[in-house]
Amino acid sequence: KKLPYLPDLLPTSSGMYSVCVEDLMVRDVKYIFRTMTYQELYKVLKDNKNLHSFPIVDNPDSMVLLGSIQRMHLIQLIDKQIGKETRLQVFAERRREALKQREEEEKRQAEQRERRPSRFQVVP
C-alpha cells in the first residue's frame, strides 16, 4: 500500500499469522567470511552465479551477520587485489629487486677478484 508505516492487521483478517519465518527462509545460505581462502571464495562465486549479493559473517561457527556485499563489487575487489594489472606490477617489482641483487653480487665478486697485492713477499 506504500504507507510510511505498518498498518494494524486485524487478527481475523489474515491467515498469514500461522506462517513462520523459517517457512520463508533459505536454509542453505551461501555466505563469505574473513578467513575464507581464495579457492573457497572462487567456488562460492562460481557455483552461485544467480546470486547478486552475499552475506558477510564473522566465522562459520557463530554466523554473526556483519553485512553484505554485492557480487560485482566483490569481483572488482578481487580483481584489484589479484587481477592481471596487480600481478604485472608485482612481477615488475620482483624483477627489479632480482636485477639489483644480481648487480650487487657481481660487484662483490669483482671486488674479491681485484684484491690489493700483499705487502709481504712469499718466499719458498
N, C-alpha and C. Protein backbone atom coordinates (compact mmCIF):
# COMPACT_ATOMS: atom_id res chain seq x y z
N LYS A 1 0.83 -1.21 0.00
CA LYS A 1 0.00 0.00 0.00
C LYS A 1 0.86 1.25 0.00
N LYS A 2 2.18 1.12 0.07
CA LYS A 2 3.14 2.23 0.06
C LYS A 2 2.91 3.22 1.20
N LEU A 3 2.56 2.69 2.36
CA LEU A 3 2.38 3.53 3.54
C LEU A 3 3.72 3.70 4.23
N PRO A 4 3.96 4.85 4.89
CA PRO A 4 5.23 5.05 5.59
C PRO A 4 5.28 4.32 6.93
N TYR A 5 4.27 3.54 7.23
CA TYR A 5 4.22 2.79 8.49
C TYR A 5 3.52 1.47 8.23
N LEU A 6 3.66 0.55 9.17
CA LEU A 6 2.95 -0.72 9.04
C LEU A 6 1.53 -0.55 9.58
N PRO A 7 0.54 -0.86 8.79
CA PRO A 7 -0.84 -0.70 9.29
C PRO A 7 -1.18 -1.81 10.29
N ASP A 8 -2.15 -1.55 11.11
CA ASP A 8 -2.62 -2.56 12.06
C ASP A 8 -3.35 -3.65 11.28
N LEU A 9 -3.01 -4.87 11.61
CA LEU A 9 -3.67 -6.00 10.98
C LEU A 9 -4.61 -6.63 12.00
N LEU A 10 -5.81 -6.85 11.59
CA LEU A 10 -6.78 -7.49 12.47
C LEU A 10 -6.47 -8.98 12.54
N PRO A 11 -6.54 -9.56 13.70
CA PRO A 11 -6.18 -10.97 13.85
C PRO A 11 -6.98 -11.89 12.93
N THR A 12 -8.18 -11.54 12.60
CA THR A 12 -9.02 -12.42 11.79
C THR A 12 -8.91 -12.11 10.30
N SER A 13 -8.21 -11.01 9.95
CA SER A 13 -8.19 -10.61 8.54
C SER A 13 -7.21 -11.39 7.69
N SER A 14 -6.30 -12.11 8.31
CA SER A 14 -5.31 -12.80 7.51
C SER A 14 -4.95 -14.15 8.11
N GLY A 15 -4.74 -15.10 7.24
CA GLY A 15 -4.30 -16.42 7.67
C GLY A 15 -2.78 -16.49 7.75
N MET A 16 -2.09 -15.40 7.45
CA MET A 16 -0.64 -15.36 7.44
C MET A 16 -0.02 -15.42 8.84
N TYR A 17 -0.82 -15.25 9.86
CA TYR A 17 -0.27 -15.30 11.21
C TYR A 17 0.23 -16.69 11.58
N SER A 18 -0.21 -17.68 10.87
CA SER A 18 0.22 -19.05 11.17
C SER A 18 1.50 -19.43 10.41
N VAL A 19 1.99 -18.55 9.52
CA VAL A 19 3.21 -18.82 8.76
C VAL A 19 4.42 -18.40 9.60
N CYS A 20 5.41 -19.28 9.71
CA CYS A 20 6.62 -18.99 10.46
C CYS A 20 7.71 -18.48 9.51
N VAL A 21 8.64 -17.73 10.04
CA VAL A 21 9.74 -17.19 9.25
C VAL A 21 10.55 -18.30 8.61
N GLU A 22 10.74 -19.39 9.33
CA GLU A 22 11.54 -20.47 8.78
C GLU A 22 10.91 -21.10 7.54
N ASP A 23 9.60 -20.91 7.35
CA ASP A 23 8.95 -21.40 6.14
C ASP A 23 9.35 -20.59 4.92
N LEU A 24 9.80 -19.36 5.11
CA LEU A 24 10.17 -18.48 4.00
C LEU A 24 11.67 -18.43 3.77
N MET A 25 12.44 -18.81 4.77
CA MET A 25 13.88 -18.65 4.70
C MET A 25 14.55 -19.76 3.89
N VAL A 26 15.69 -19.42 3.34
CA VAL A 26 16.54 -20.40 2.67
C VAL A 26 17.44 -21.00 3.73
N ARG A 27 17.54 -22.30 3.77
CA ARG A 27 18.32 -22.95 4.81
C ARG A 27 19.80 -23.05 4.44
N ASP A 28 20.11 -23.27 3.19
CA ASP A 28 21.49 -23.41 2.76
C ASP A 28 21.99 -22.05 2.24
N VAL A 29 22.28 -21.16 3.16
CA VAL A 29 22.70 -19.79 2.81
C VAL A 29 24.15 -19.80 2.36
N LYS A 30 24.42 -19.17 1.24
CA LYS A 30 25.79 -19.02 0.74
C LYS A 30 26.34 -17.72 1.31
N TYR A 31 27.43 -17.80 2.03
CA TYR A 31 27.99 -16.65 2.73
C TYR A 31 29.49 -16.61 2.54
N ILE A 32 30.09 -15.48 2.90
CA ILE A 32 31.54 -15.36 2.89
C ILE A 32 31.99 -14.90 4.27
N PHE A 33 33.24 -15.22 4.60
CA PHE A 33 33.78 -14.81 5.90
C PHE A 33 35.24 -14.42 5.75
N ARG A 34 35.77 -13.76 6.74
CA ARG A 34 37.08 -13.13 6.67
C ARG A 34 38.23 -14.10 6.38
N THR A 35 38.23 -15.24 7.01
CA THR A 35 39.35 -16.18 6.86
C THR A 35 39.15 -17.16 5.71
N MET A 36 38.21 -16.88 4.86
CA MET A 36 37.93 -17.74 3.70
C MET A 36 39.11 -17.68 2.73
N THR A 37 39.50 -18.82 2.19
CA THR A 37 40.59 -18.83 1.21
C THR A 37 40.06 -18.38 -0.14
N TYR A 38 41.00 -18.01 -1.01
CA TYR A 38 40.59 -17.60 -2.36
C TYR A 38 39.89 -18.75 -3.08
N GLN A 39 40.37 -19.96 -2.89
CA GLN A 39 39.76 -21.12 -3.54
C GLN A 39 38.31 -21.29 -3.09
N GLU A 40 38.04 -21.13 -1.80
CA GLU A 40 36.67 -21.24 -1.29
C GLU A 40 35.79 -20.12 -1.84
N LEU A 41 36.33 -18.91 -1.87
CA LEU A 41 35.58 -17.77 -2.39
C LEU A 41 35.27 -17.95 -3.87
N TYR A 42 36.27 -18.41 -4.62
CA TYR A 42 36.09 -18.66 -6.06
C TYR A 42 34.99 -19.69 -6.28
N LYS A 43 34.97 -20.74 -5.46
CA LYS A 43 33.95 -21.78 -5.59
C LYS A 43 32.56 -21.23 -5.30
N VAL A 44 32.42 -20.41 -4.27
CA VAL A 44 31.12 -19.82 -3.94
C VAL A 44 30.64 -18.94 -5.10
N LEU A 45 31.53 -18.13 -5.65
CA LEU A 45 31.15 -17.26 -6.77
C LEU A 45 30.79 -18.09 -8.01
N LYS A 46 31.56 -19.11 -8.29
CA LYS A 46 31.34 -19.93 -9.48
C LYS A 46 30.05 -20.74 -9.38
N ASP A 47 29.80 -21.32 -8.21
CA ASP A 47 28.64 -22.19 -8.04
C ASP A 47 27.32 -21.44 -7.87
N ASN A 48 27.40 -20.14 -7.58
CA ASN A 48 26.18 -19.37 -7.31
C ASN A 48 26.11 -18.13 -8.19
N LYS A 49 26.14 -18.35 -9.48
CA LYS A 49 26.13 -17.22 -10.43
C LYS A 49 24.82 -16.45 -10.42
N ASN A 50 23.76 -17.06 -9.92
CA ASN A 50 22.46 -16.39 -9.89
C ASN A 50 22.30 -15.46 -8.68
N LEU A 51 23.20 -15.55 -7.71
CA LEU A 51 23.11 -14.67 -6.53
C LEU A 51 23.78 -13.33 -6.82
N HIS A 52 23.11 -12.25 -6.45
CA HIS A 52 23.63 -10.90 -6.70
C HIS A 52 24.29 -10.29 -5.48
N SER A 53 24.09 -10.91 -4.33
CA SER A 53 24.63 -10.38 -3.09
C SER A 53 24.95 -11.54 -2.14
N PHE A 54 25.98 -11.33 -1.32
CA PHE A 54 26.38 -12.37 -0.37
C PHE A 54 26.45 -11.78 1.03
N PRO A 55 25.92 -12.49 2.02
CA PRO A 55 26.08 -12.03 3.40
C PRO A 55 27.52 -12.26 3.86
N ILE A 56 28.00 -11.37 4.71
CA ILE A 56 29.33 -11.49 5.30
C ILE A 56 29.13 -11.82 6.77
N VAL A 57 29.72 -12.95 7.20
CA VAL A 57 29.61 -13.36 8.60
C VAL A 57 31.00 -13.36 9.22
N ASP A 58 31.04 -13.29 10.57
CA ASP A 58 32.35 -13.25 11.23
C ASP A 58 33.09 -14.57 11.12
N ASN A 59 32.41 -15.69 11.31
CA ASN A 59 33.01 -17.01 11.07
C ASN A 59 31.89 -18.03 10.90
N PRO A 60 32.17 -19.16 10.30
CA PRO A 60 31.12 -20.14 10.02
C PRO A 60 30.50 -20.77 11.27
N ASP A 61 31.17 -20.68 12.40
CA ASP A 61 30.64 -21.29 13.61
C ASP A 61 29.56 -20.43 14.27
N SER A 62 29.86 -19.14 14.45
CA SER A 62 28.88 -18.28 15.13
C SER A 62 27.86 -17.68 14.17
N MET A 63 28.27 -17.49 12.90
CA MET A 63 27.38 -16.96 11.85
C MET A 63 26.76 -15.61 12.22
N VAL A 64 27.53 -14.75 12.89
CA VAL A 64 27.04 -13.41 13.21
C VAL A 64 27.13 -12.57 11.94
N LEU A 65 26.01 -12.00 11.53
CA LEU A 65 25.96 -11.22 10.30
C LEU A 65 26.66 -9.87 10.50
N LEU A 66 27.66 -9.61 9.66
CA LEU A 66 28.39 -8.34 9.71
C LEU A 66 27.91 -7.37 8.64
N GLY A 67 27.39 -7.89 7.57
CA GLY A 67 26.93 -7.05 6.48
C GLY A 67 26.73 -7.88 5.23
N SER A 68 26.73 -7.22 4.09
CA SER A 68 26.61 -7.94 2.82
C SER A 68 27.42 -7.20 1.76
N ILE A 69 27.68 -7.89 0.66
CA ILE A 69 28.44 -7.29 -0.43
C ILE A 69 27.83 -7.74 -1.75
N GLN A 70 27.75 -6.80 -2.67
CA GLN A 70 27.24 -7.10 -4.00
C GLN A 70 28.25 -7.94 -4.76
N ARG A 71 27.78 -8.86 -5.56
CA ARG A 71 28.64 -9.75 -6.33
C ARG A 71 29.63 -8.97 -7.19
N MET A 72 29.15 -7.96 -7.93
CA MET A 72 30.01 -7.20 -8.83
C MET A 72 31.09 -6.44 -8.05
N HIS A 73 30.72 -5.88 -6.90
CA HIS A 73 31.70 -5.17 -6.08
C HIS A 73 32.76 -6.13 -5.56
N LEU A 74 32.36 -7.32 -5.16
CA LEU A 74 33.29 -8.33 -4.68
C LEU A 74 34.26 -8.74 -5.79
N ILE A 75 33.75 -8.94 -6.99
CA ILE A 75 34.60 -9.31 -8.12
C ILE A 75 35.58 -8.18 -8.44
N GLN A 76 35.14 -6.93 -8.35
CA GLN A 76 36.04 -5.79 -8.57
C GLN A 76 37.14 -5.75 -7.52
N LEU A 77 36.80 -6.01 -6.27
CA LEU A 77 37.80 -6.01 -5.20
C LEU A 77 38.82 -7.14 -5.39
N ILE A 78 38.35 -8.30 -5.80
CA ILE A 78 39.26 -9.42 -6.06
C ILE A 78 40.19 -9.07 -7.21
N ASP A 79 39.64 -8.49 -8.26
CA ASP A 79 40.45 -8.12 -9.41
C ASP A 79 41.49 -7.07 -9.03
N LYS A 80 41.12 -6.15 -8.16
CA LYS A 80 42.06 -5.12 -7.70
C LYS A 80 43.20 -5.74 -6.90
N GLN A 81 42.90 -6.78 -6.10
CA GLN A 81 43.90 -7.41 -5.26
C GLN A 81 44.79 -8.40 -6.01
N ILE A 82 44.20 -9.20 -6.89
CA ILE A 82 44.99 -10.25 -7.56
C ILE A 82 44.74 -10.30 -9.05
N GLY A 83 44.26 -9.22 -9.63
CA GLY A 83 43.99 -9.18 -11.06
C GLY A 83 45.26 -9.09 -11.88
N LYS A 84 45.10 -9.09 -13.18
CA LYS A 84 46.24 -9.10 -14.10
C LYS A 84 47.15 -7.89 -13.89
N GLU A 85 46.56 -6.73 -13.74
CA GLU A 85 47.35 -5.49 -13.56
C GLU A 85 48.20 -5.57 -12.30
N THR A 86 47.62 -6.01 -11.21
CA THR A 86 48.35 -6.13 -9.95
C THR A 86 49.46 -7.17 -10.06
N ARG A 87 49.17 -8.30 -10.69
CA ARG A 87 50.20 -9.34 -10.86
C ARG A 87 51.36 -8.83 -11.68
N LEU A 88 51.08 -8.04 -12.73
CA LEU A 88 52.15 -7.48 -13.55
C LEU A 88 53.01 -6.50 -12.75
N GLN A 89 52.37 -5.70 -11.90
CA GLN A 89 53.12 -4.77 -11.06
C GLN A 89 54.02 -5.51 -10.08
N VAL A 90 53.50 -6.55 -9.46
CA VAL A 90 54.28 -7.34 -8.51
C VAL A 90 55.45 -8.02 -9.23
N PHE A 91 55.18 -8.56 -10.43
CA PHE A 91 56.24 -9.20 -11.20
C PHE A 91 57.34 -8.20 -11.54
N ALA A 92 56.97 -6.99 -11.98
CA ALA A 92 57.96 -5.97 -12.33
C ALA A 92 58.80 -5.59 -11.11
N GLU A 93 58.18 -5.46 -9.96
CA GLU A 93 58.91 -5.12 -8.73
C GLU A 93 59.87 -6.23 -8.35
N ARG A 94 59.42 -7.46 -8.41
CA ARG A 94 60.30 -8.59 -8.07
C ARG A 94 61.46 -8.69 -9.05
N ARG A 95 61.20 -8.41 -10.30
CA ARG A 95 62.27 -8.46 -11.31
C ARG A 95 63.32 -7.38 -11.04
N ARG A 96 62.86 -6.17 -10.68
CA ARG A 96 63.79 -5.09 -10.34
C ARG A 96 64.65 -5.49 -9.15
N GLU A 97 64.03 -6.07 -8.14
CA GLU A 97 64.78 -6.50 -6.95
C GLU A 97 65.80 -7.58 -7.31
N ALA A 98 65.42 -8.53 -8.15
CA ALA A 98 66.34 -9.60 -8.55
C ALA A 98 67.51 -9.05 -9.34
N LEU A 99 67.26 -8.10 -10.24
CA LEU A 99 68.34 -7.48 -11.02
C LEU A 99 69.30 -6.72 -10.11
N LYS A 100 68.73 -5.99 -9.16
CA LYS A 100 69.54 -5.23 -8.22
C LYS A 100 70.41 -6.17 -7.39
N GLN A 101 69.82 -7.27 -6.94
CA GLN A 101 70.55 -8.24 -6.15
C GLN A 101 71.68 -8.88 -6.97
N ARG A 102 71.40 -9.17 -8.22
CA ARG A 102 72.41 -9.77 -9.10
C ARG A 102 73.56 -8.80 -9.35
N GLU A 103 73.24 -7.51 -9.55
CA GLU A 103 74.28 -6.50 -9.75
C GLU A 103 75.17 -6.38 -8.51
N GLU A 104 74.55 -6.40 -7.33
CA GLU A 104 75.32 -6.32 -6.09
C GLU A 104 76.23 -7.53 -5.94
N GLU A 105 75.73 -8.71 -6.31
CA GLU A 105 76.54 -9.93 -6.22
C GLU A 105 77.71 -9.87 -7.19
N GLU A 106 77.47 -9.40 -8.42
CA GLU A 106 78.55 -9.27 -9.40
C GLU A 106 79.58 -8.26 -8.94
N LYS A 107 79.13 -7.18 -8.32
CA LYS A 107 80.05 -6.16 -7.80
C LYS A 107 80.91 -6.74 -6.68
N ARG A 108 80.30 -7.53 -5.80
CA ARG A 108 81.03 -8.16 -4.71
C ARG A 108 82.09 -9.13 -5.26
N GLN A 109 81.71 -9.90 -6.25
CA GLN A 109 82.65 -10.85 -6.85
C GLN A 109 83.80 -10.11 -7.54
N ALA A 110 83.51 -8.98 -8.22
CA ALA A 110 84.56 -8.20 -8.89
C ALA A 110 85.53 -7.63 -7.86
N GLU A 111 85.02 -7.18 -6.72
CA GLU A 111 85.87 -6.64 -5.67
C GLU A 111 86.79 -7.73 -5.11
N GLN A 112 86.27 -8.92 -4.99
CA GLN A 112 87.09 -10.02 -4.47
C GLN A 112 88.20 -10.37 -5.45
N ARG A 113 87.93 -10.27 -6.75
CA ARG A 113 88.94 -10.57 -7.76
C ARG A 113 90.03 -9.50 -7.80
N GLU A 114 89.68 -8.29 -7.47
CA GLU A 114 90.64 -7.16 -7.53
C GLU A 114 91.23 -6.88 -6.16
N ARG A 115 91.72 -7.89 -5.51
CA ARG A 115 92.32 -7.71 -4.19
C ARG A 115 93.63 -6.94 -4.33
N ARG A 116 93.92 -6.23 -3.30
CA ARG A 116 95.20 -5.49 -3.27
C ARG A 116 96.35 -6.47 -3.16
N PRO A 117 97.47 -6.16 -3.81
CA PRO A 117 98.62 -7.05 -3.66
C PRO A 117 99.15 -7.01 -2.23
N SER A 118 99.64 -8.12 -1.80
CA SER A 118 100.15 -8.25 -0.45
C SER A 118 101.44 -7.46 -0.29
N ARG A 119 101.64 -6.86 0.87
CA ARG A 119 102.88 -6.15 1.16
C ARG A 119 103.99 -7.12 1.50
N PHE A 120 103.62 -8.33 1.78
CA PHE A 120 104.61 -9.32 2.16
C PHE A 120 104.93 -10.21 0.97
N GLN A 121 106.17 -10.53 0.85
CA GLN A 121 106.60 -11.40 -0.24
C GLN A 121 106.70 -12.82 0.30
N VAL A 122 106.14 -13.75 -0.45
CA VAL A 122 106.16 -15.14 -0.02
C VAL A 122 107.36 -15.80 -0.69
N VAL A 123 108.24 -16.35 0.13
CA VAL A 123 109.46 -16.99 -0.39
C VAL A 123 109.35 -18.47 -0.10
N PRO A 124 109.64 -19.30 -1.14
CA PRO A 124 109.59 -20.75 -0.88
C PRO A 124 110.73 -21.21 0.01
